[in-house]
Amino acid sequence: MISRNITIKNSVGLYARPATFFIQKANTYKSSIWMQKDDRRVNAKSLLGVLSLAISGGSTVTLIADGPDEAEAISGLELLVSTEI
């Protein structure tokens, strides 16, 4: 299991369309992936879970992955949110 703190660069955060792109990317990996903000942790492959965190632009969240492609998953998702989705 690995984790990494990432900052959301998208000016609007992970709402609607950016969250959908994030979920689609997360679902391409075999590993279990979670996103944590403050004391809440949700399944990063769940649109409702990600939206429930209300992640605004500039927020820092923790990505956690566990599975056969965990390093690839964390790197790929970090690259996605480090650009303007």
PDB file of N, CA and C in Angstrom:
ATOM      1  N   MET A   1       0.858  -1.177   0.000  1.00  0.00           N
ATOM      2  CA  MET A   1       0.000   0.000   0.000  1.00  0.00           C
ATOM      3  C   MET A   1       0.900   1.234   0.000  1.00  0.00           C
ATOM      4  N   ILE A   2       0.561   2.182  -0.852  1.00  0.00           N
ATOM      5  CA  ILE A   2       1.291   3.448  -0.889  1.00  0.00           C
ATOM      6  C   ILE A   2       0.302   4.606  -0.837  1.00  0.00           C
ATOM      7  N   SER A   3       0.792   5.731  -0.374  1.00  0.00           N
ATOM      8  CA  SER A   3      -0.051   6.933  -0.339  1.00  0.00           C
ATOM      9  C   SER A   3       0.791   8.135  -0.711  1.00  0.00           C
ATOM     10  N   ARG A   4       0.105   9.161  -1.186  1.00  0.00           N
ATOM     11  CA  ARG A   4       0.789  10.390  -1.595  1.00  0.00           C
ATOM     12  C   ARG A   4      -0.166  11.560  -1.447  1.00  0.00           C
ATOM     13  N   ASN A   5       0.339  12.648  -0.886  1.00  0.00           N
ATOM     14  CA  ASN A   5      -0.437  13.885  -0.816  1.00  0.00           C
ATOM     15  C   ASN A   5      -0.321  14.593  -2.157  1.00  0.00           C
ATOM     16  N   ILE A   6      -1.442  15.012  -2.686  1.00  0.00           N
ATOM     17  CA  ILE A   6      -1.457  15.719  -3.970  1.00  0.00           C
ATOM     18  C   ILE A   6      -2.297  16.979  -3.839  1.00  0.00           C
ATOM     19  N   THR A   7      -1.970  17.962  -4.659  1.00  0.00           N
ATOM     20  CA  THR A   7      -2.727  19.210  -4.691  1.00  0.00           C
ATOM     21  C   THR A   7      -3.518  19.261  -5.989  1.00  0.00           C
ATOM     22  N   ILE A   8      -4.782  19.593  -5.872  1.00  0.00           N
ATOM     23  CA  ILE A   8      -5.670  19.687  -7.035  1.00  0.00           C
ATOM     24  C   ILE A   8      -5.412  21.026  -7.721  1.00  0.00           C
ATOM     25  N   LYS A   9      -4.916  20.998  -8.935  1.00  0.00           N
ATOM     26  CA  LYS A   9      -4.558  22.224  -9.666  1.00  0.00           C
ATOM     27  C   LYS A   9      -5.726  22.846 -10.419  1.00  0.00           C
ATOM     28  N   ASN A  10      -6.740  22.035 -10.722  1.00  0.00           N
ATOM     29  CA  ASN A  10      -7.896  22.540 -11.452  1.00  0.00           C
ATOM     30  C   ASN A  10      -8.550  23.662 -10.642  1.00  0.00           C
ATOM     31  N   SER A  11      -8.817  24.794 -11.268  1.00  0.00           N
ATOM     32  CA  SER A  11      -9.348  25.959 -10.546  1.00  0.00           C
ATOM     33  C   SER A  11     -10.706  25.709  -9.897  1.00  0.00           C
ATOM     34  N   VAL A  12     -11.512  24.813 -10.449  1.00  0.00           N
ATOM     35  CA  VAL A  12     -12.831  24.540  -9.861  1.00  0.00           C
ATOM     36  C   VAL A  12     -12.819  23.328  -8.946  1.00  0.00           C
ATOM     37  N   GLY A  13     -11.719  22.609  -8.890  1.00  0.00           N
ATOM     38  CA  GLY A  13     -11.639  21.428  -8.039  1.00  0.00           C
ATOM     39  C   GLY A  13     -12.174  20.195  -8.736  1.00  0.00           C
ATOM     40  N   LEU A  14     -12.563  19.194  -7.937  1.00  0.00           N
ATOM     41  CA  LEU A  14     -13.087  17.951  -8.502  1.00  0.00           C
ATOM     42  C   LEU A  14     -14.605  17.938  -8.408  1.00  0.00           C
ATOM     43  N   TYR A  15     -15.230  18.677  -9.272  1.00  0.00           N
ATOM     44  CA  TYR A  15     -16.685  18.723  -9.377  1.00  0.00           C
ATOM     45  C   TYR A  15     -17.084  18.291 -10.765  1.00  0.00           C
ATOM     46  N   ALA A  16     -18.248  17.707 -10.897  1.00  0.00           N
ATOM     47  CA  ALA A  16     -18.876  17.337 -12.161  1.00  0.00           C
ATOM     48  C   ALA A  16     -17.901  16.728 -13.167  1.00  0.00           C
ATOM     49  N   ARG A  17     -17.565  17.445 -14.213  1.00  0.00           N
ATOM     50  CA  ARG A  17     -16.747  16.893 -15.289  1.00  0.00           C
ATOM     51  C   ARG A  17     -15.354  16.470 -14.822  1.00  0.00           C
ATOM     52  N   PRO A  18     -14.595  17.312 -14.100  1.00  0.00           N
ATOM     53  CA  PRO A  18     -13.274  16.862 -13.650  1.00  0.00           C
ATOM     54  C   PRO A  18     -13.350  15.611 -12.771  1.00  0.00           C
ATOM     55  N   ALA A  19     -14.366  15.515 -11.920  1.00  0.00           N
ATOM     56  CA  ALA A  19     -14.525  14.332 -11.070  1.00  0.00           C
ATOM     57  C   ALA A  19     -14.816  13.100 -11.923  1.00  0.00           C
ATOM     58  N   THR A  20     -15.604  13.268 -12.960  1.00  0.00           N
ATOM     59  CA  THR A  20     -15.913  12.155 -13.857  1.00  0.00           C
ATOM     60  C   THR A  20     -14.655  11.654 -14.545  1.00  0.00           C
ATOM     61  N   PHE A  21     -13.815  12.560 -15.034  1.00  0.00           N
ATOM     62  CA  PHE A  21     -12.553  12.157 -15.660  1.00  0.00           C
ATOM     63  C   PHE A  21     -11.666  11.426 -14.657  1.00  0.00           C
ATOM     64  N   PHE A  22     -11.631  11.927 -13.431  1.00  0.00           N
ATOM     65  CA  PHE A  22     -10.822  11.297 -12.388  1.00  0.00           C
ATOM     66  C   PHE A  22     -11.308   9.872 -12.116  1.00  0.00           C
ATOM     67  N   ILE A  23     -12.614   9.696 -11.981  1.00  0.00           N
ATOM     68  CA  ILE A  23     -13.207   8.383 -11.703  1.00  0.00           C
ATOM     69  C   ILE A  23     -12.923   7.417 -12.851  1.00  0.00           C
ATOM     70  N   GLN A  24     -13.090   7.889 -14.070  1.00  0.00           N
ATOM     71  CA  GLN A  24     -12.834   7.030 -15.232  1.00  0.00           C
ATOM     72  C   GLN A  24     -11.383   6.553 -15.238  1.00  0.00           C
ATOM     73  N   LYS A  25     -10.454   7.456 -14.940  1.00  0.00           N
ATOM     74  CA  LYS A  25      -9.041   7.089 -14.888  1.00  0.00           C
ATOM     75  C   LYS A  25      -8.785   6.109 -13.747  1.00  0.00           C
ATOM     76  N   ALA A  26      -9.351   6.370 -12.573  1.00  0.00           N
ATOM     77  CA  ALA A  26      -9.157   5.489 -11.412  1.00  0.00           C
ATOM     78  C   ALA A  26      -9.654   4.077 -11.709  1.00  0.00           C
ATOM     79  N   ASN A  27     -10.733   3.976 -12.456  1.00  0.00           N
ATOM     80  CA  ASN A  27     -11.307   2.664 -12.765  1.00  0.00           C
ATOM     81  C   ASN A  27     -10.516   1.869 -13.790  1.00  0.00           C
ATOM     82  N   THR A  28      -9.495   2.465 -14.386  1.00  0.00           N
ATOM     83  CA  THR A  28      -8.648   1.723 -15.319  1.00  0.00           C
ATOM     84  C   THR A  28      -7.593   0.903 -14.584  1.00  0.00           C
ATOM     85  N   TYR A  29      -7.441   1.114 -13.283  1.00  0.00           N
ATOM     86  CA  TYR A  29      -6.440   0.399 -12.489  1.00  0.00           C
ATOM     87  C   TYR A  29      -7.085  -0.742 -11.709  1.00  0.00           C
ATOM     88  N   LYS A  30      -6.322  -1.812 -11.508  1.00  0.00           N
ATOM     89  CA  LYS A  30      -6.810  -2.967 -10.759  1.00  0.00           C
ATOM     90  C   LYS A  30      -6.760  -2.737  -9.256  1.00  0.00           C
ATOM     91  N   SER A  31      -5.875  -1.876  -8.814  1.00  0.00           N
ATOM     92  CA  SER A  31      -5.702  -1.616  -7.380  1.00  0.00           C
ATOM     93  C   SER A  31      -6.928  -0.958  -6.770  1.00  0.00           C
ATOM     94  N   SER A  32      -7.092  -1.159  -5.475  1.00  0.00           N
ATOM     95  CA  SER A  32      -8.088  -0.405  -4.719  1.00  0.00           C
ATOM     96  C   SER A  32      -7.505   0.986  -4.489  1.00  0.00           C
ATOM     97  N   ILE A  33      -8.315   2.015  -4.689  1.00  0.00           N
ATOM     98  CA  ILE A  33      -7.828   3.388  -4.565  1.00  0.00           C
ATOM     99  C   ILE A  33      -8.795   4.170  -3.685  1.00  0.00           C
ATOM    100  N   TRP A  34      -8.242   4.898  -2.724  1.00  0.00           N
ATOM    101  CA  TRP A  34      -9.037   5.743  -1.841  1.00  0.00           C
ATOM    102  C   TRP A  34      -8.522   7.162  -1.899  1.00  0.00           C
ATOM    103  N   MET A  35      -9.395   8.085  -1.600  1.00  0.00           N
ATOM    104  CA  MET A  35      -9.029   9.490  -1.509  1.00  0.00           C
ATOM    105  C   MET A  35      -9.425   9.967  -0.120  1.00  0.00           C
ATOM    106  N   GLN A  36      -8.521  10.671   0.532  1.00  0.00           N
ATOM    107  CA  GLN A  36      -8.792  11.150   1.888  1.00  0.00           C
ATOM    108  C   GLN A  36      -8.598  12.652   1.959  1.00  0.00           C
ATOM    109  N   LYS A  37      -9.566  13.309   2.581  1.00  0.00           N
ATOM    110  CA  LYS A  37      -9.502  14.745   2.831  1.00  0.00           C
ATOM    111  C   LYS A  37      -9.913  14.953   4.279  1.00  0.00           C
ATOM    112  N   ASP A  38      -9.027  15.584   5.038  1.00  0.00           N
ATOM    113  CA  ASP A  38      -9.243  15.750   6.473  1.00  0.00           C
ATOM    114  C   ASP A  38      -9.413  14.364   7.097  1.00  0.00           C
ATOM    115  N   ASP A  39     -10.537  14.104   7.743  1.00  0.00           N
ATOM    116  CA  ASP A  39     -10.723  12.811   8.401  1.00  0.00           C
ATOM    117  C   ASP A  39     -11.670  11.885   7.632  1.00  0.00           C
ATOM    118  N   ARG A  40     -12.004  12.238   6.388  1.00  0.00           N
ATOM    119  CA  ARG A  40     -12.905  11.420   5.571  1.00  0.00           C
ATOM    120  C   ARG A  40     -12.136  10.689   4.488  1.00  0.00           C
ATOM    121  N   ARG A  41     -12.429   9.409   4.341  1.00  0.00           N
ATOM    122  CA  ARG A  41     -11.812   8.589   3.295  1.00  0.00           C
ATOM    123  C   ARG A  41     -12.916   7.953   2.470  1.00  0.00           C
ATOM    124  N   VAL A  42     -12.792   8.075   1.132  1.00  0.00           N
ATOM    125  CA  VAL A  42     -13.804   7.510   0.239  1.00  0.00           C
ATOM    126  C   VAL A  42     -13.130   6.692  -0.859  1.00  0.00           C
ATOM    127  N   ASN A  43     -13.916   5.840  -1.475  1.00  0.00           N
ATOM    128  CA  ASN A  43     -13.458   5.062  -2.618  1.00  0.00           C
ATOM    129  C   ASN A  43     -13.253   6.026  -3.789  1.00  0.00           C
ATOM    130  N   ALA A  44     -12.042   6.096  -4.308  1.00  0.00           N
ATOM    131  CA  ALA A  44     -11.742   7.025  -5.402  1.00  0.00           C
ATOM    132  C   ALA A  44     -12.317   6.571  -6.735  1.00  0.00           C
ATOM    133  N   LYS A  45     -12.931   5.401  -6.761  1.00  0.00           N
ATOM    134  CA  LYS A  45     -13.572   4.914  -7.977  1.00  0.00           C
ATOM    135  C   LYS A  45     -15.078   5.185  -7.957  1.00  0.00           C
ATOM    136  N   SER A  46     -15.535   5.891  -6.927  1.00  0.00           N
ATOM    137  CA  SER A  46     -16.949   6.199  -6.764  1.00  0.00           C
ATOM    138  C   SER A  46     -17.196   7.687  -6.975  1.00  0.00           C
ATOM    139  N   LEU A  47     -18.016   8.014  -7.959  1.00  0.00           N
ATOM    140  CA  LEU A  47     -18.309   9.417  -8.241  1.00  0.00           C
ATOM    141  C   LEU A  47     -18.954  10.094  -7.034  1.00  0.00           C
ATOM    142  N   LEU A  48     -19.925   9.450  -6.418  1.00  0.00           N
ATOM    143  CA  LEU A  48     -20.584  10.053  -5.256  1.00  0.00           C
ATOM    144  C   LEU A  48     -19.605  10.237  -4.099  1.00  0.00           C
ATOM    145  N   GLY A  49     -18.708   9.279  -3.928  1.00  0.00           N
ATOM    146  CA  GLY A  49     -17.715   9.394  -2.868  1.00  0.00           C
ATOM    147  C   GLY A  49     -16.811  10.589  -3.080  1.00  0.00           C
ATOM    148  N   VAL A  50     -16.276  10.723  -4.282  1.00  0.00           N
ATOM    149  CA  VAL A  50     -15.370  11.840  -4.587  1.00  0.00           C
ATOM    150  C   VAL A  50     -16.105  13.171  -4.484  1.00  0.00           C
ATOM    151  N   LEU A  51     -17.310  13.240  -5.025  1.00  0.00           N
ATOM    152  CA  LEU A  51     -18.079  14.486  -4.949  1.00  0.00           C
ATOM    153  C   LEU A  51     -18.410  14.854  -3.503  1.00  0.00           C
ATOM    154  N   SER A  52     -18.608  13.854  -2.655  1.00  0.00           N
ATOM    155  CA  SER A  52     -18.968  14.129  -1.257  1.00  0.00           C
ATOM    156  C   SER A  52     -17.837  14.801  -0.475  1.00  0.00           C
ATOM    157  N   LEU A  53     -16.609  14.721  -0.976  1.00  0.00           N
ATOM    158  CA  LEU A  53     -15.488  15.378  -0.302  1.00  0.00           C
ATOM    159  C   LEU A  53     -15.450  16.877  -0.569  1.00  0.00           C
ATOM    160  N   ALA A  54     -16.196  17.350  -1.560  1.00  0.00           N
ATOM    161  CA  ALA A  54     -16.249  18.778  -1.905  1.00  0.00           C
ATOM    162  C   ALA A  54     -14.845  19.354  -2.048  1.00  0.00           C
ATOM    163  N   ILE A  55     -14.086  18.812  -2.986  1.00  0.00           N
ATOM    164  CA  ILE A  55     -12.690  19.194  -3.178  1.00  0.00           C
ATOM    165  C   ILE A  55     -12.610  20.411  -4.089  1.00  0.00           C
ATOM    166  N   SER A  56     -12.168  21.515  -3.541  1.00  0.00           N
ATOM    167  CA  SER A  56     -12.036  22.744  -4.319  1.00  0.00           C
ATOM    168  C   SER A  56     -10.624  22.854  -4.891  1.00  0.00           C
ATOM    169  N   GLY A  57     -10.468  23.739  -5.864  1.00  0.00           N
ATOM    170  CA  GLY A  57      -9.167  23.969  -6.466  1.00  0.00           C
ATOM    171  C   GLY A  57      -8.152  24.420  -5.424  1.00  0.00           C
ATOM    172  N   GLY A  58      -6.952  23.877  -5.492  1.00  0.00           N
ATOM    173  CA  GLY A  58      -5.905  24.213  -4.545  1.00  0.00           C
ATOM    174  C   GLY A  58      -5.902  23.355  -3.296  1.00  0.00           C
ATOM    175  N   SER A  59      -6.918  22.502  -3.124  1.00  0.00           N
ATOM    176  CA  SER A  59      -6.983  21.616  -1.962  1.00  0.00           C
ATOM    177  C   SER A  59      -5.913  20.536  -2.055  1.00  0.00           C
ATOM    178  N   THR A  60      -5.469  20.081  -0.909  1.00  0.00           N
ATOM    179  CA  THR A  60      -4.547  18.957  -0.843  1.00  0.00           C
ATOM    180  C   THR A  60      -5.293  17.762  -0.285  1.00  0.00           C
ATOM    181  N   VAL A  61      -5.183  16.641  -0.986  1.00  0.00           N
ATOM    182  CA  VAL A  61      -5.820  15.397  -0.573  1.00  0.00           C
ATOM    183  C   VAL A  61      -4.767  14.295  -0.567  1.00  0.00           C
ATOM    184  N   THR A  62      -5.091  13.190   0.049  1.00  0.00           N
ATOM    185  CA  THR A  62      -4.200  12.037   0.068  1.00  0.00           C
ATOM    186  C   THR A  62      -4.799  10.938  -0.793  1.00  0.00           C
ATOM    187  N   LEU A  63      -4.013  10.439  -1.732  1.00  0.00           N
ATOM    188  CA  LEU A  63      -4.406   9.279  -2.530  1.00  0.00           C
ATOM    189  C   LEU A  63      -3.737   8.057  -1.925  1.00  0.00           C
ATOM    190  N   ILE A  64      -4.505   6.988  -1.791  1.00  0.00           N
ATOM    191  CA  ILE A  64      -4.000   5.747  -1.220  1.00  0.00           C
ATOM    192  C   ILE A  64      -4.354   4.628  -2.191  1.00  0.00           C
ATOM    193  N   ALA A  65      -3.369   3.813  -2.540  1.00  0.00           N
ATOM    194  CA  ALA A  65      -3.619   2.706  -3.462  1.00  0.00           C
ATOM    195  C   ALA A  65      -3.011   1.430  -2.900  1.00  0.00           C
ATOM    196  N   ASP A  66      -3.705   0.330  -3.148  1.00  0.00           N
ATOM    197  CA  ASP A  66      -3.240  -0.972  -2.688  1.00  0.00           C
ATOM    198  C   ASP A  66      -3.591  -1.999  -3.747  1.00  0.00           C
ATOM    199  N   GLY A  67      -2.565  -2.606  -4.321  1.00  0.00           N
ATOM    200  CA  GLY A  67      -2.816  -3.625  -5.338  1.00  0.00           C
ATOM    201  C   GLY A  67      -1.650  -3.779  -6.282  1.00  0.00           C
ATOM    202  N   PRO A  68      -1.849  -4.539  -7.341  1.00  0.00           N
ATOM    203  CA  PRO A  68      -0.747  -4.880  -8.243  1.00  0.00           C
ATOM    204  C   PRO A  68      -0.178  -3.703  -9.040  1.00  0.00           C
ATOM    205  N   ASP A  69      -0.979  -2.684  -9.277  1.00  0.00           N
ATOM    206  CA  ASP A  69      -0.507  -1.530 -10.053  1.00  0.00           C
ATOM    207  C   ASP A  69      -0.609  -0.237  -9.236  1.00  0.00           C
ATOM    208  N   GLU A  70      -0.389  -0.339  -7.923  1.00  0.00           N
ATOM    209  CA  GLU A  70      -0.582   0.800  -7.027  1.00  0.00           C
ATOM    210  C   GLU A  70       0.310   1.991  -7.365  1.00  0.00           C
ATOM    211  N   ALA A  71       1.578   1.764  -7.682  1.00  0.00           N
ATOM    212  CA  ALA A  71       2.479   2.878  -7.999  1.00  0.00           C
ATOM    213  C   ALA A  71       2.045   3.576  -9.286  1.00  0.00           C
ATOM    214  N   GLU A  72       1.681   2.789 -10.271  1.00  0.00           N
ATOM    215  CA  GLU A  72       1.203   3.340 -11.542  1.00  0.00           C
ATOM    216  C   GLU A  72      -0.094   4.128 -11.339  1.00  0.00           C
ATOM    217  N   ALA A  73      -0.971   3.613 -10.498  1.00  0.00           N
ATOM    218  CA  ALA A  73      -2.249   4.287 -10.232  1.00  0.00           C
ATOM    219  C   ALA A  73      -2.028   5.644  -9.586  1.00  0.00           C
ATOM    220  N   ILE A  74      -1.202   5.696  -8.553  1.00  0.00           N
ATOM    221  CA  ILE A  74      -0.943   6.959  -7.860  1.00  0.00           C
ATOM    222  C   ILE A  74      -0.307   7.964  -8.814  1.00  0.00           C
ATOM    223  N   SER A  75       0.676   7.530  -9.575  1.00  0.00           N
ATOM    224  CA  SER A  75       1.358   8.435 -10.510  1.00  0.00           C
ATOM    225  C   SER A  75       0.421   8.944 -11.598  1.00  0.00           C
ATOM    226  N   GLY A  76      -0.391   8.049 -12.156  1.00  0.00           N
ATOM    227  CA  GLY A  76      -1.319   8.435 -13.216  1.00  0.00           C
ATOM    228  C   GLY A  76      -2.377   9.412 -12.740  1.00  0.00           C
ATOM    229  N   LEU A  77      -2.910   9.168 -11.549  1.00  0.00           N
ATOM    230  CA  LEU A  77      -3.941  10.062 -11.011  1.00  0.00           C
ATOM    231  C   LEU A  77      -3.345  11.395 -10.581  1.00  0.00           C
ATOM    232  N   GLU A  78      -2.134  11.360 -10.063  1.00  0.00           N
ATOM    233  CA  GLU A  78      -1.474  12.618  -9.690  1.00  0.00           C
ATOM    234  C   GLU A  78      -1.220  13.462 -10.939  1.00  0.00           C
ATOM    235  N   LEU A  79      -0.788  12.846 -12.010  1.00  0.00           N
ATOM    236  CA  LEU A  79      -0.562  13.569 -13.263  1.00  0.00           C
ATOM    237  C   LEU A  79      -1.867  14.179 -13.759  1.00  0.00           C
ATOM    238  N   LEU A  80      -2.961  13.451 -13.656  1.00  0.00           N
ATOM    239  CA  LEU A  80      -4.254  13.952 -14.108  1.00  0.00           C
ATOM    240  C   LEU A  80      -4.678  15.201 -13.352  1.00  0.00           C
ATOM    241  N   VAL A  81      -4.553  15.206 -12.031  1.00  0.00           N
ATOM    242  CA  VAL A  81      -5.013  16.354 -11.244  1.00  0.00           C
ATOM    243  C   VAL A  81      -3.994  17.483 -11.190  1.00  0.00           C
ATOM    244  N   SER A  82      -2.765  17.224 -11.660  1.00  0.00           N
ATOM    245  CA  SER A  82      -1.766  18.287 -11.648  1.00  0.00           C
ATOM    246  C   SER A  82      -1.876  19.172 -12.888  1.00  0.00           C
ATOM    247  N   THR A  83      -2.789  18.822 -13.771  1.00  0.00           N
ATOM    248  CA  THR A  83      -3.054  19.642 -14.962  1.00  0.00           C
ATOM    249  C   THR A  83      -4.457  20.202 -14.855  1.00  0.00           C
ATOM    250  N   GLU A  84      -4.767  21.125 -15.716  1.00  0.00           N
ATOM    251  CA  GLU A  84      -6.131  21.656 -15.786  1.00  0.00           C
ATOM    252  C   GLU A  84      -6.972  20.651 -16.531  1.00  0.00           C
ATOM    253  N   ILE A  85      -7.752  19.847 -15.831  1.00  0.00           N
ATOM    254  CA  ILE A  85      -8.560  18.774 -16.425  1.00  0.00           C
ATOM    255  C   ILE A  85      -9.576  19.393 -17.365  1.00  0.00           C
TER     256      ILE A  85
END
